[in-house]
Amino acid sequence: PDPAEYEEIVEKHGDIIARWSAAPEIEGALAFGQHMRDHHILPAI
């Protein structure tokens, strides 16, 4: 997970992204999950 990448995608299209799937054990995944929830996007394992 690259915060610069997923934050840009969410900033541009967060209103149409309903869910985003990722592996939670990899580096940066928990911060990614928090960012998704903060923007009302469902993070999935």
PDB file of all heavy atoms in Angstrom:
ATOM      1  N   PRO A   1       0.825  -1.215   0.000  1.00  0.00           N
ATOM      2  CA  PRO A   1       0.000   0.000   0.000  1.00  0.00           C
ATOM      3  C   PRO A   1       0.853   1.256   0.000  1.00  0.00           C
ATOM      4  O   PRO A   1       1.768   1.402   0.817  1.00  0.00           O
ATOM      5  CB  PRO A   1      -0.803  -0.123   1.299  1.00  0.00           C
ATOM      6  CG  PRO A   1      -0.819  -1.586   1.598  1.00  0.00           C
ATOM      7  CD  PRO A   1       0.497  -2.113   1.122  1.00  0.00           C
ATOM      8  N   ASP A   2       0.556   2.128  -0.932  1.00  0.00           N
ATOM      9  CA  ASP A   2       1.279   3.389  -1.062  1.00  0.00           C
ATOM     10  C   ASP A   2       0.298   4.518  -0.754  1.00  0.00           C
ATOM     11  O   ASP A   2      -0.613   4.777  -1.538  1.00  0.00           O
ATOM     12  CB  ASP A   2       1.824   3.524  -2.481  1.00  0.00           C
ATOM     13  CG  ASP A   2       2.550   4.842  -2.716  1.00  0.00           C
ATOM     14  OD1 ASP A   2       2.612   5.675  -1.780  1.00  0.00           O
ATOM     15  OD2 ASP A   2       3.053   5.043  -3.837  1.00  0.00           O
ATOM     16  N   PRO A   3       0.457   5.203   0.388  1.00  0.00           N
ATOM     17  CA  PRO A   3      -0.493   6.262   0.741  1.00  0.00           C
ATOM     18  C   PRO A   3      -0.644   7.311  -0.347  1.00  0.00           C
ATOM     19  O   PRO A   3      -1.758   7.790  -0.599  1.00  0.00           O
ATOM     20  CB  PRO A   3       0.106   6.855   2.019  1.00  0.00           C
ATOM     21  CG  PRO A   3       0.924   5.752   2.605  1.00  0.00           C
ATOM     22  CD  PRO A   3       1.475   4.998   1.443  1.00  0.00           C
ATOM     23  N   ALA A   4       0.429   7.674  -1.000  1.00  0.00           N
ATOM     24  CA  ALA A   4       0.321   8.681  -2.062  1.00  0.00           C
ATOM     25  C   ALA A   4      -0.589   8.189  -3.178  1.00  0.00           C
ATOM     26  O   ALA A   4      -1.362   8.973  -3.751  1.00  0.00           O
ATOM     27  CB  ALA A   4       1.711   9.000  -2.618  1.00  0.00           C
ATOM     28  N   GLU A   5      -0.534   6.883  -3.460  1.00  0.00           N
ATOM     29  CA  GLU A   5      -1.351   6.311  -4.531  1.00  0.00           C
ATOM     30  C   GLU A   5      -2.817   6.201  -4.122  1.00  0.00           C
ATOM     31  O   GLU A   5      -3.706   6.735  -4.793  1.00  0.00           O
ATOM     32  CB  GLU A   5      -0.816   4.937  -4.911  1.00  0.00           C
ATOM     33  CG  GLU A   5      -1.624   4.245  -6.008  1.00  0.00           C
ATOM     34  CD  GLU A   5      -1.018   2.909  -6.387  1.00  0.00           C
ATOM     35  OE1 GLU A   5      -1.011   1.985  -5.527  1.00  0.00           O
ATOM     36  OE2 GLU A   5      -0.551   2.786  -7.531  1.00  0.00           O
ATOM     37  N   TYR A   6      -3.088   5.514  -2.995  1.00  0.00           N
ATOM     38  CA  TYR A   6      -4.497   5.284  -2.661  1.00  0.00           C
ATOM     39  C   TYR A   6      -5.194   6.559  -2.180  1.00  0.00           C
ATOM     40  O   TYR A   6      -6.388   6.721  -2.385  1.00  0.00           O
ATOM     41  CB  TYR A   6      -4.676   4.124  -1.682  1.00  0.00           C
ATOM     42  CG  TYR A   6      -4.097   4.234  -0.298  1.00  0.00           C
ATOM     43  CD1 TYR A   6      -4.643   5.078   0.673  1.00  0.00           C
ATOM     44  CD2 TYR A   6      -3.038   3.416   0.086  1.00  0.00           C
ATOM     45  CE1 TYR A   6      -4.139   5.142   1.959  1.00  0.00           C
ATOM     46  CE2 TYR A   6      -2.516   3.464   1.377  1.00  0.00           C
ATOM     47  CZ  TYR A   6      -3.063   4.329   2.309  1.00  0.00           C
ATOM     48  OH  TYR A   6      -2.555   4.374   3.593  1.00  0.00           O
ATOM     49  N   GLU A   7      -4.440   7.483  -1.592  1.00  0.00           N
ATOM     50  CA  GLU A   7      -5.072   8.746  -1.204  1.00  0.00           C
ATOM     51  C   GLU A   7      -5.458   9.570  -2.428  1.00  0.00           C
ATOM     52  O   GLU A   7      -6.509  10.224  -2.444  1.00  0.00           O
ATOM     53  CB  GLU A   7      -4.134   9.538  -0.284  1.00  0.00           C
ATOM     54  CG  GLU A   7      -4.006   8.932   1.110  1.00  0.00           C
ATOM     55  CD  GLU A   7      -2.991   9.655   1.978  1.00  0.00           C
ATOM     56  OE1 GLU A   7      -2.498  10.736   1.546  1.00  0.00           O
ATOM     57  OE2 GLU A   7      -2.676   9.145   3.074  1.00  0.00           O
ATOM     58  N   GLU A   8      -4.636   9.535  -3.465  1.00  0.00           N
ATOM     59  CA  GLU A   8      -4.982  10.237  -4.700  1.00  0.00           C
ATOM     60  C   GLU A   8      -6.223   9.629  -5.340  1.00  0.00           C
ATOM     61  O   GLU A   8      -7.135  10.348  -5.783  1.00  0.00           O
ATOM     62  CB  GLU A   8      -3.820  10.164  -5.685  1.00  0.00           C
ATOM     63  CG  GLU A   8      -4.142  10.816  -7.034  1.00  0.00           C
ATOM     64  CD  GLU A   8      -3.062  10.592  -8.083  1.00  0.00           C
ATOM     65  OE1 GLU A   8      -1.961  10.106  -7.716  1.00  0.00           O
ATOM     66  OE2 GLU A   8      -3.320  10.886  -9.272  1.00  0.00           O
ATOM     67  N   ILE A   9      -6.282   8.294  -5.379  1.00  0.00           N
ATOM     68  CA  ILE A   9      -7.432   7.622  -5.985  1.00  0.00           C
ATOM     69  C   ILE A   9      -8.701   7.941  -5.204  1.00  0.00           C
ATOM     70  O   ILE A   9      -9.755   8.246  -5.788  1.00  0.00           O
ATOM     71  CB  ILE A   9      -7.183   6.104  -6.054  1.00  0.00           C
ATOM     72  CG1 ILE A   9      -6.041   5.798  -7.035  1.00  0.00           C
ATOM     73  CG2 ILE A   9      -8.453   5.361  -6.456  1.00  0.00           C
ATOM     74  CD1 ILE A   9      -5.600   4.353  -7.050  1.00  0.00           C
ATOM     75  N   VAL A  10      -8.623   7.899  -3.894  1.00  0.00           N
ATOM     76  CA  VAL A  10      -9.793   8.189  -3.067  1.00  0.00           C
ATOM     77  C   VAL A  10     -10.209   9.651  -3.196  1.00  0.00           C
ATOM     78  O   VAL A  10     -11.404   9.973  -3.249  1.00  0.00           O
ATOM     79  CB  VAL A  10      -9.516   7.815  -1.596  1.00  0.00           C
ATOM     80  CG1 VAL A  10     -10.614   8.344  -0.680  1.00  0.00           C
ATOM     81  CG2 VAL A  10      -9.396   6.301  -1.445  1.00  0.00           C
ATOM     82  N   GLU A  11      -9.224  10.551  -3.264  1.00  0.00           N
ATOM     83  CA  GLU A  11      -9.557  11.967  -3.413  1.00  0.00           C
ATOM     84  C   GLU A  11     -10.317  12.225  -4.711  1.00  0.00           C
ATOM     85  O   GLU A  11     -11.274  13.007  -4.744  1.00  0.00           O
ATOM     86  CB  GLU A  11      -8.280  12.811  -3.388  1.00  0.00           C
ATOM     87  CG  GLU A  11      -8.531  14.312  -3.502  1.00  0.00           C
ATOM     88  CD  GLU A  11      -7.267  15.139  -3.450  1.00  0.00           C
ATOM     89  OE1 GLU A  11      -6.171  14.544  -3.297  1.00  0.00           O
ATOM     90  OE2 GLU A  11      -7.364  16.372  -3.562  1.00  0.00           O
ATOM     91  N   LYS A  12      -9.926  11.523  -5.780  1.00  0.00           N
ATOM     92  CA  LYS A  12     -10.558  11.742  -7.080  1.00  0.00           C
ATOM     93  C   LYS A  12     -11.872  10.986  -7.229  1.00  0.00           C
ATOM     94  O   LYS A  12     -12.807  11.473  -7.880  1.00  0.00           O
ATOM     95  CB  LYS A  12      -9.600  11.319  -8.195  1.00  0.00           C
ATOM     96  CG  LYS A  12      -8.394  12.225  -8.354  1.00  0.00           C
ATOM     97  CD  LYS A  12      -7.490  11.747  -9.489  1.00  0.00           C
ATOM     98  CE  LYS A  12      -6.309  12.694  -9.692  1.00  0.00           C
ATOM     99  NZ  LYS A  12      -5.393  12.217 -10.775  1.00  0.00           N
ATOM    100  N   HIS A  13     -11.946   9.783  -6.637  1.00  0.00           N
ATOM    101  CA  HIS A  13     -13.094   8.916  -6.934  1.00  0.00           C
ATOM    102  C   HIS A  13     -13.700   8.250  -5.695  1.00  0.00           C
ATOM    103  O   HIS A  13     -14.440   7.279  -5.828  1.00  0.00           O
ATOM    104  CB  HIS A  13     -12.673   7.832  -7.929  1.00  0.00           C
ATOM    105  CG  HIS A  13     -12.243   8.362  -9.257  1.00  0.00           C
ATOM    106  ND1 HIS A  13     -13.112   8.963 -10.145  1.00  0.00           N
ATOM    107  CD2 HIS A  13     -11.009   8.376  -9.856  1.00  0.00           C
ATOM    108  CE1 HIS A  13     -12.451   9.316 -11.237  1.00  0.00           C
ATOM    109  NE2 HIS A  13     -11.185   8.988 -11.082  1.00  0.00           N
ATOM    110  N   GLY A  14     -13.404   8.765  -4.521  1.00  0.00           N
ATOM    111  CA  GLY A  14     -13.919   8.136  -3.307  1.00  0.00           C
ATOM    112  C   GLY A  14     -15.429   8.049  -3.254  1.00  0.00           C
ATOM    113  O   GLY A  14     -15.984   7.158  -2.615  1.00  0.00           O
ATOM    114  N   ASP A  15     -16.111   8.945  -3.944  1.00  0.00           N
ATOM    115  CA  ASP A  15     -17.572   8.941  -3.920  1.00  0.00           C
ATOM    116  C   ASP A  15     -18.175   7.775  -4.685  1.00  0.00           C
ATOM    117  O   ASP A  15     -19.350   7.438  -4.482  1.00  0.00           O
ATOM    118  CB  ASP A  15     -18.116  10.250  -4.491  1.00  0.00           C
ATOM    119  CG  ASP A  15     -17.672  10.494  -5.931  1.00  0.00           C
ATOM    120  OD1 ASP A  15     -16.482  10.269  -6.234  1.00  0.00           O
ATOM    121  OD2 ASP A  15     -18.518  10.914  -6.748  1.00  0.00           O
ATOM    122  N   ILE A  16     -17.391   7.127  -5.560  1.00  0.00           N
ATOM    123  CA  ILE A  16     -17.933   5.993  -6.323  1.00  0.00           C
ATOM    124  C   ILE A  16     -17.264   4.669  -5.962  1.00  0.00           C
ATOM    125  O   ILE A  16     -17.647   3.630  -6.492  1.00  0.00           O
ATOM    126  CB  ILE A  16     -17.810   6.230  -7.846  1.00  0.00           C
ATOM    127  CG1 ILE A  16     -16.349   6.397  -8.258  1.00  0.00           C
ATOM    128  CG2 ILE A  16     -18.656   7.419  -8.276  1.00  0.00           C
ATOM    129  CD1 ILE A  16     -16.137   6.358  -9.768  1.00  0.00           C
ATOM    130  N   ILE A  17     -16.261   4.703  -5.081  1.00  0.00           N
ATOM    131  CA  ILE A  17     -15.628   3.459  -4.643  1.00  0.00           C
ATOM    132  C   ILE A  17     -16.402   2.936  -3.436  1.00  0.00           C
ATOM    133  O   ILE A  17     -16.483   3.586  -2.400  1.00  0.00           O
ATOM    134  CB  ILE A  17     -14.148   3.673  -4.261  1.00  0.00           C
ATOM    135  CG1 ILE A  17     -13.365   4.228  -5.448  1.00  0.00           C
ATOM    136  CG2 ILE A  17     -13.522   2.355  -3.789  1.00  0.00           C
ATOM    137  CD1 ILE A  17     -11.950   4.663  -5.092  1.00  0.00           C
ATOM    138  N   ALA A  18     -16.988   1.747  -3.591  1.00  0.00           N
ATOM    139  CA  ALA A  18     -17.785   1.166  -2.516  1.00  0.00           C
ATOM    140  C   ALA A  18     -16.956   0.272  -1.599  1.00  0.00           C
ATOM    141  O   ALA A  18     -17.217   0.196  -0.396  1.00  0.00           O
ATOM    142  CB  ALA A  18     -18.945   0.359  -3.104  1.00  0.00           C
ATOM    143  N   ARG A  19     -15.943  -0.392  -2.175  1.00  0.00           N
ATOM    144  CA  ARG A  19     -15.132  -1.314  -1.388  1.00  0.00           C
ATOM    145  C   ARG A  19     -13.762  -1.444  -2.030  1.00  0.00           C
ATOM    146  O   ARG A  19     -13.584  -1.156  -3.221  1.00  0.00           O
ATOM    147  CB  ARG A  19     -15.813  -2.688  -1.279  1.00  0.00           C
ATOM    148  CG  ARG A  19     -16.276  -3.278  -2.601  1.00  0.00           C
ATOM    149  CD  ARG A  19     -16.871  -4.657  -2.449  1.00  0.00           C
ATOM    150  NE  ARG A  19     -15.896  -5.589  -1.921  1.00  0.00           N
ATOM    151  CZ  ARG A  19     -15.985  -6.915  -2.080  1.00  0.00           C
ATOM    152  NH1 ARG A  19     -17.003  -7.436  -2.740  1.00  0.00           N
ATOM    153  NH2 ARG A  19     -15.079  -7.716  -1.576  1.00  0.00           N
ATOM    154  N   TRP A  20     -12.793  -1.888  -1.208  1.00  0.00           N
ATOM    155  CA  TRP A  20     -11.418  -2.058  -1.700  1.00  0.00           C
ATOM    156  C   TRP A  20     -10.824  -3.253  -0.963  1.00  0.00           C
ATOM    157  O   TRP A  20     -10.775  -3.277   0.265  1.00  0.00           O
ATOM    158  CB  TRP A  20     -10.609  -0.791  -1.447  1.00  0.00           C
ATOM    159  CG  TRP A  20      -9.318  -0.678  -2.213  1.00  0.00           C
ATOM    160  CD1 TRP A  20      -8.472  -1.690  -2.553  1.00  0.00           C
ATOM    161  CD2 TRP A  20      -8.736   0.530  -2.724  1.00  0.00           C
ATOM    162  NE1 TRP A  20      -7.399  -1.192  -3.248  1.00  0.00           N
ATOM    163  CE2 TRP A  20      -7.529   0.159  -3.372  1.00  0.00           C
ATOM    164  CE3 TRP A  20      -9.087   1.875  -2.697  1.00  0.00           C
ATOM    165  CZ2 TRP A  20      -6.681   1.092  -3.976  1.00  0.00           C
ATOM    166  CZ3 TRP A  20      -8.250   2.807  -3.300  1.00  0.00           C
ATOM    167  CH2 TRP A  20      -7.067   2.418  -3.927  1.00  0.00           C
ATOM    168  N   SER A  21     -10.349  -4.252  -1.701  1.00  0.00           N
ATOM    169  CA  SER A  21      -9.808  -5.472  -1.103  1.00  0.00           C
ATOM    170  C   SER A  21      -8.289  -5.435  -1.046  1.00  0.00           C
ATOM    171  O   SER A  21      -7.630  -5.022  -2.017  1.00  0.00           O
ATOM    172  CB  SER A  21     -10.248  -6.696  -1.911  1.00  0.00           C
ATOM    173  OG  SER A  21     -11.635  -6.916  -1.788  1.00  0.00           O
ATOM    174  N   ALA A  22      -7.727  -5.892   0.088  1.00  0.00           N
ATOM    175  CA  ALA A  22      -6.281  -5.892   0.290  1.00  0.00           C
ATOM    176  C   ALA A  22      -5.906  -6.976   1.285  1.00  0.00           C
ATOM    177  O   ALA A  22      -6.755  -7.497   2.019  1.00  0.00           O
ATOM    178  CB  ALA A  22      -5.808  -4.526   0.790  1.00  0.00           C
ATOM    179  N   ALA A  23      -4.617  -7.309   1.308  1.00  0.00           N
ATOM    180  CA  ALA A  23      -4.089  -8.265   2.286  1.00  0.00           C
ATOM    181  C   ALA A  23      -3.696  -7.501   3.540  1.00  0.00           C
ATOM    182  O   ALA A  23      -2.824  -6.627   3.492  1.00  0.00           O
ATOM    183  CB  ALA A  23      -2.882  -8.998   1.706  1.00  0.00           C
ATOM    184  N   PRO A  24      -4.289  -7.798   4.686  1.00  0.00           N
ATOM    185  CA  PRO A  24      -4.083  -6.952   5.869  1.00  0.00           C
ATOM    186  C   PRO A  24      -2.748  -7.120   6.565  1.00  0.00           C
ATOM    187  O   PRO A  24      -2.378  -6.287   7.395  1.00  0.00           O
ATOM    188  CB  PRO A  24      -5.231  -7.385   6.791  1.00  0.00           C
ATOM    189  CG  PRO A  24      -5.476  -8.817   6.428  1.00  0.00           C
ATOM    190  CD  PRO A  24      -5.270  -8.877   4.928  1.00  0.00           C
ATOM    191  N   GLU A  25      -2.001  -8.191   6.236  1.00  0.00           N
ATOM    192  CA  GLU A  25      -0.758  -8.450   6.954  1.00  0.00           C
ATOM    193  C   GLU A  25       0.434  -7.709   6.366  1.00  0.00           C
ATOM    194  O   GLU A  25       1.501  -7.639   7.003  1.00  0.00           O
ATOM    195  CB  GLU A  25      -0.460  -9.953   6.978  1.00  0.00           C
ATOM    196  CG  GLU A  25       0.066 -10.551   5.674  1.00  0.00           C
ATOM    197  CD  GLU A  25      -1.018 -10.862   4.649  1.00  0.00           C
ATOM    198  OE1 GLU A  25      -2.161 -10.407   4.838  1.00  0.00           O
ATOM    199  OE2 GLU A  25      -0.711 -11.563   3.673  1.00  0.00           O
ATOM    200  N   ILE A  26       0.292  -7.152   5.156  1.00  0.00           N
ATOM    201  CA  ILE A  26       1.448  -6.511   4.533  1.00  0.00           C
ATOM    202  C   ILE A  26       1.663  -5.105   5.091  1.00  0.00           C
ATOM    203  O   ILE A  26       0.750  -4.485   5.621  1.00  0.00           O
ATOM    204  CB  ILE A  26       1.301  -6.489   2.994  1.00  0.00           C
ATOM    205  CG1 ILE A  26       0.077  -5.680   2.571  1.00  0.00           C
ATOM    206  CG2 ILE A  26       1.229  -7.899   2.441  1.00  0.00           C
ATOM    207  CD1 ILE A  26      -0.080  -5.579   1.073  1.00  0.00           C
ATOM    208  N   GLU A  27       2.882  -4.642   4.954  1.00  0.00           N
ATOM    209  CA  GLU A  27       3.256  -3.335   5.516  1.00  0.00           C
ATOM    210  C   GLU A  27       2.356  -2.225   4.977  1.00  0.00           C
ATOM    211  O   GLU A  27       2.168  -2.095   3.770  1.00  0.00           O
ATOM    212  CB  GLU A  27       4.712  -3.043   5.168  1.00  0.00           C
ATOM    213  CG  GLU A  27       5.246  -1.742   5.741  1.00  0.00           C
ATOM    214  CD  GLU A  27       6.679  -1.462   5.316  1.00  0.00           C
ATOM    215  OE1 GLU A  27       7.325  -2.388   4.762  1.00  0.00           O
ATOM    216  OE2 GLU A  27       7.149  -0.311   5.515  1.00  0.00           O
ATOM    217  N   GLY A  28       1.798  -1.442   5.883  1.00  0.00           N
ATOM    218  CA  GLY A  28       0.968  -0.308   5.502  1.00  0.00           C
ATOM    219  C   GLY A  28      -0.499  -0.610   5.343  1.00  0.00           C
ATOM    220  O   GLY A  28      -1.302   0.304   5.110  1.00  0.00           O
ATOM    221  N   ALA A  29      -0.901  -1.887   5.477  1.00  0.00           N
ATOM    222  CA  ALA A  29      -2.291  -2.257   5.217  1.00  0.00           C
ATOM    223  C   ALA A  29      -3.256  -1.737   6.274  1.00  0.00           C
ATOM    224  O   ALA A  29      -4.400  -1.408   5.963  1.00  0.00           O
ATOM    225  CB  ALA A  29      -2.424  -3.775   5.105  1.00  0.00           C
ATOM    226  N   LEU A  30      -2.819  -1.658   7.519  1.00  0.00           N
ATOM    227  CA  LEU A  30      -3.734  -1.196   8.564  1.00  0.00           C
ATOM    228  C   LEU A  30      -4.040   0.290   8.403  1.00  0.00           C
ATOM    229  O   LEU A  30      -5.194   0.724   8.557  1.00  0.00           O
ATOM    230  CB  LEU A  30      -3.144  -1.478   9.946  1.00  0.00           C
ATOM    231  CG  LEU A  30      -2.911  -2.964  10.271  1.00  0.00           C
ATOM    232  CD1 LEU A  30      -2.435  -3.126  11.709  1.00  0.00           C
ATOM    233  CD2 LEU A  30      -4.170  -3.785  10.029  1.00  0.00           C
ATOM    234  N   ALA A  31      -3.028   1.080   8.070  1.00  0.00           N
ATOM    235  CA  ALA A  31      -3.276   2.499   7.800  1.00  0.00           C
ATOM    236  C   ALA A  31      -4.177   2.655   6.584  1.00  0.00           C
ATOM    237  O   ALA A  31      -5.049   3.542   6.541  1.00  0.00           O
ATOM    238  CB  ALA A  31      -1.952   3.223   7.584  1.00  0.00           C
ATOM    239  N   PHE A  32      -3.994   1.789   5.596  1.00  0.00           N
ATOM    240  CA  PHE A  32      -4.862   1.784   4.420  1.00  0.00           C
ATOM    241  C   PHE A  32      -6.312   1.524   4.834  1.00  0.00           C
ATOM    242  O   PHE A  32      -7.234   2.229   4.402  1.00  0.00           O
ATOM    243  CB  PHE A  32      -4.384   0.704   3.439  1.00  0.00           C
ATOM    244  CG  PHE A  32      -5.391   0.289   2.423  1.00  0.00           C
ATOM    245  CD1 PHE A  32      -5.562   1.004   1.251  1.00  0.00           C
ATOM    246  CD2 PHE A  32      -6.177  -0.842   2.627  1.00  0.00           C
ATOM    247  CE1 PHE A  32      -6.506   0.618   0.303  1.00  0.00           C
ATOM    248  CE2 PHE A  32      -7.108  -1.241   1.703  1.00  0.00           C
ATOM    249  CZ  PHE A  32      -7.279  -0.513   0.531  1.00  0.00           C
ATOM    250  N   GLY A  33      -6.522   0.519   5.689  1.00  0.00           N
ATOM    251  CA  GLY A  33      -7.876   0.198   6.138  1.00  0.00           C
ATOM    252  C   GLY A  33      -8.519   1.362   6.869  1.00  0.00           C
ATOM    253  O   GLY A  33      -9.699   1.668   6.658  1.00  0.00           O
ATOM    254  N   GLN A  34      -7.756   2.017   7.719  1.00  0.00           N
ATOM    255  CA  GLN A  34      -8.280   3.180   8.438  1.00  0.00           C
ATOM    256  C   GLN A  34      -8.686   4.282   7.468  1.00  0.00           C
ATOM    257  O   GLN A  34      -9.737   4.916   7.624  1.00  0.00           O
ATOM    258  CB  GLN A  34      -7.219   3.696   9.413  1.00  0.00           C
ATOM    259  CG  GLN A  34      -6.902   2.755  10.565  1.00  0.00           C
ATOM    260  CD  GLN A  34      -5.692   3.216  11.346  1.00  0.00           C
ATOM    261  OE1 GLN A  34      -5.082   4.240  11.052  1.00  0.00           O
ATOM    262  NE2 GLN A  34      -5.318   2.431  12.355  1.00  0.00           N
ATOM    263  N   HIS A  35      -7.866   4.511   6.450  1.00  0.00           N
ATOM    264  CA  HIS A  35      -8.168   5.559   5.474  1.00  0.00           C
ATOM    265  C   HIS A  35      -9.445   5.240   4.721  1.00  0.00           C
ATOM    266  O   HIS A  35     -10.268   6.134   4.462  1.00  0.00           O
ATOM    267  CB  HIS A  35      -6.999   5.724   4.500  1.00  0.00           C
ATOM    268  CG  HIS A  35      -7.109   6.939   3.630  1.00  0.00           C
ATOM    269  ND1 HIS A  35      -6.818   8.207   4.073  1.00  0.00           N
ATOM    270  CD2 HIS A  35      -7.517   7.077   2.329  1.00  0.00           C
ATOM    271  CE1 HIS A  35      -7.015   9.074   3.097  1.00  0.00           C
ATOM    272  NE2 HIS A  35      -7.447   8.418   2.025  1.00  0.00           N
ATOM    273  N   MET A  36      -9.630   3.962   4.376  1.00  0.00           N
ATOM    274  CA  MET A  36     -10.858   3.569   3.663  1.00  0.00           C
ATOM    275  C   MET A  36     -12.083   3.830   4.543  1.00  0.00           C
ATOM    276  O   MET A  36     -13.075   4.422   4.101  1.00  0.00           O
ATOM    277  CB  MET A  36     -10.795   2.089   3.267  1.00  0.00           C
ATOM    278  CG  MET A  36      -9.729   1.755   2.242  1.00  0.00           C
ATOM    279  SD  MET A  36      -9.833   2.706   0.714  1.00  0.00           S
ATOM    280  CE  MET A  36      -8.353   3.728   0.859  1.00  0.00           C
ATOM    281  N   ARG A  37     -12.032   3.389   5.773  1.00  0.00           N
ATOM    282  CA  ARG A  37     -13.175   3.582   6.670  1.00  0.00           C
ATOM    283  C   ARG A  37     -13.457   5.067   6.895  1.00  0.00           C
ATOM    284  O   ARG A  37     -14.621   5.484   6.977  1.00  0.00           O
ATOM    285  CB  ARG A  37     -12.925   2.872   8.000  1.00  0.00           C
ATOM    286  CG  ARG A  37     -13.175   1.382   7.964  1.00  0.00           C
ATOM    287  CD  ARG A  37     -14.617   1.076   7.647  1.00  0.00           C
ATOM    288  NE  ARG A  37     -14.907  -0.364   7.748  1.00  0.00           N
ATOM    289  CZ  ARG A  37     -16.083  -0.914   7.494  1.00  0.00           C
ATOM    290  NH1 ARG A  37     -17.091  -0.154   7.097  1.00  0.00           N
ATOM    291  NH2 ARG A  37     -16.262  -2.221   7.601  1.00  0.00           N
ATOM    292  N   ASP A  38     -12.406   5.855   7.005  1.00  0.00           N
ATOM    293  CA  ASP A  38     -12.594   7.292   7.192  1.00  0.00           C
ATOM    294  C   ASP A  38     -13.323   7.923   6.013  1.00  0.00           C
ATOM    295  O   ASP A  38     -13.953   8.978   6.160  1.00  0.00           O
ATOM    296  CB  ASP A  38     -11.236   7.979   7.381  1.00  0.00           C
ATOM    297  CG  ASP A  38     -10.605   7.681   8.730  1.00  0.00           C
ATOM    298  OD1 ASP A  38     -11.319   7.186   9.625  1.00  0.00           O
ATOM    299  OD2 ASP A  38      -9.390   7.926   8.876  1.00  0.00           O
ATOM    300  N   HIS A  39     -13.240   7.278   4.853  1.00  0.00           N
ATOM    301  CA  HIS A  39     -13.886   7.808   3.650  1.00  0.00           C
ATOM    302  C   HIS A  39     -15.077   6.954   3.227  1.00  0.00           C
ATOM    303  O   HIS A  39     -15.504   6.987   2.070  1.00  0.00           O
ATOM    304  CB  HIS A  39     -12.863   7.928   2.513  1.00  0.00           C
ATOM    305  CG  HIS A  39     -11.850   9.009   2.742  1.00  0.00           C
ATOM    306  ND1 HIS A  39     -10.751   8.832   3.545  1.00  0.00           N
ATOM    307  CD2 HIS A  39     -11.801  10.308   2.292  1.00  0.00           C
ATOM    308  CE1 HIS A  39     -10.051   9.956   3.584  1.00  0.00           C
ATOM    309  NE2 HIS A  39     -10.664  10.863   2.844  1.00  0.00           N
ATOM    310  N   HIS A  40     -15.617   6.181   4.178  1.00  0.00           N
ATOM    311  CA  HIS A  40     -16.841   5.403   3.982  1.00  0.00           C
ATOM    312  C   HIS A  40     -16.705   4.381   2.853  1.00  0.00           C
ATOM    313  O   HIS A  40     -17.650   4.111   2.106  1.00  0.00           O
ATOM    314  CB  HIS A  40     -18.031   6.336   3.723  1.00  0.00           C
ATOM    315  CG  HIS A  40     -18.167   7.434   4.729  1.00  0.00           C
ATOM    316  ND1 HIS A  40     -18.560   7.194   6.038  1.00  0.00           N
ATOM    317  CD2 HIS A  40     -17.911   8.777   4.641  1.00  0.00           C
ATOM    318  CE1 HIS A  40     -18.564   8.332   6.702  1.00  0.00           C
ATOM    319  NE2 HIS A  40     -18.177   9.305   5.890  1.00  0.00           N
ATOM    320  N   ILE A  41     -15.511   3.803   2.745  1.00  0.00           N
ATOM    321  CA  ILE A  41     -15.237   2.728   1.802  1.00  0.00           C
ATOM    322  C   ILE A  41     -14.976   1.462   2.600  1.00  0.00           C
ATOM    323  O   ILE A  41     -14.249   1.490   3.594  1.00  0.00           O
ATOM    324  CB  ILE A  41     -14.020   3.066   0.919  1.00  0.00           C
ATOM    325  CG1 ILE A  41     -14.305   4.308   0.063  1.00  0.00           C
ATOM    326  CG2 ILE A  41     -13.631   1.889   0.030  1.00  0.00           C
ATOM    327  CD1 ILE A  41     -13.069   4.875  -0.625  1.00  0.00           C
ATOM    328  N   LEU A  42     -15.581   0.348   2.196  1.00  0.00           N
ATOM    329  CA  LEU A  42     -15.457  -0.911   2.921  1.00  0.00           C
ATOM    330  C   LEU A  42     -14.137  -1.596   2.574  1.00  0.00           C
ATOM    331  O   LEU A  42     -13.946  -2.037   1.438  1.00  0.00           O
ATOM    332  CB  LEU A  42     -16.631  -1.822   2.555  1.00  0.00           C
ATOM    333  CG  LEU A  42     -16.561  -3.273   3.049  1.00  0.00           C
ATOM    334  CD1 LEU A  42     -16.595  -3.331   4.576  1.00  0.00           C
ATOM    335  CD2 LEU A  42     -17.716  -4.089   2.456  1.00  0.00           C
ATOM    336  N   PRO A  43     -13.197  -1.715   3.535  1.00  0.00           N
ATOM    337  CA  PRO A  43     -11.983  -2.490   3.272  1.00  0.00           C
ATOM    338  C   PRO A  43     -12.257  -3.980   3.524  1.00  0.00           C
ATOM    339  O   PRO A  43     -12.901  -4.350   4.506  1.00  0.00           O
ATOM    340  CB  PRO A  43     -10.978  -1.933   4.282  1.00  0.00           C
ATOM    341  CG  PRO A  43     -11.811  -1.407   5.409  1.00  0.00           C
ATOM    342  CD  PRO A  43     -13.162  -1.059   4.854  1.00  0.00           C
ATOM    343  N   ALA A  44     -11.772  -4.828   2.606  1.00  0.00           N
ATOM    344  CA  ALA A  44     -12.028  -6.259   2.698  1.00  0.00           C
ATOM    345  C   ALA A  44     -10.719  -7.034   2.655  1.00  0.00           C
ATOM    346  O   ALA A  44      -9.733  -6.598   2.053  1.00  0.00           O
ATOM    347  CB  ALA A  44     -12.948  -6.701   1.561  1.00  0.00           C
ATOM    348  N   ILE A  45     -10.728  -8.206   3.274  1.00  0.00           N
ATOM    349  CA  ILE A  45      -9.546  -9.066   3.372  1.00  0.00           C
ATOM    350  C   ILE A  45      -9.491  -9.965   2.142  1.00  0.00           C
ATOM    351  O   ILE A  45     -10.444 -10.692   1.851  1.00  0.00           O
ATOM    352  CB  ILE A  45      -9.619  -9.923   4.647  1.00  0.00           C
ATOM    353  CG1 ILE A  45      -9.675  -9.031   5.894  1.00  0.00           C
ATOM    354  CG2 ILE A  45      -8.456 -10.891   4.722  1.00  0.00           C
ATOM    355  CD1 ILE A  45     -10.040  -9.779   7.170  1.00  0.00           C
TER     356      ILE A  45
END
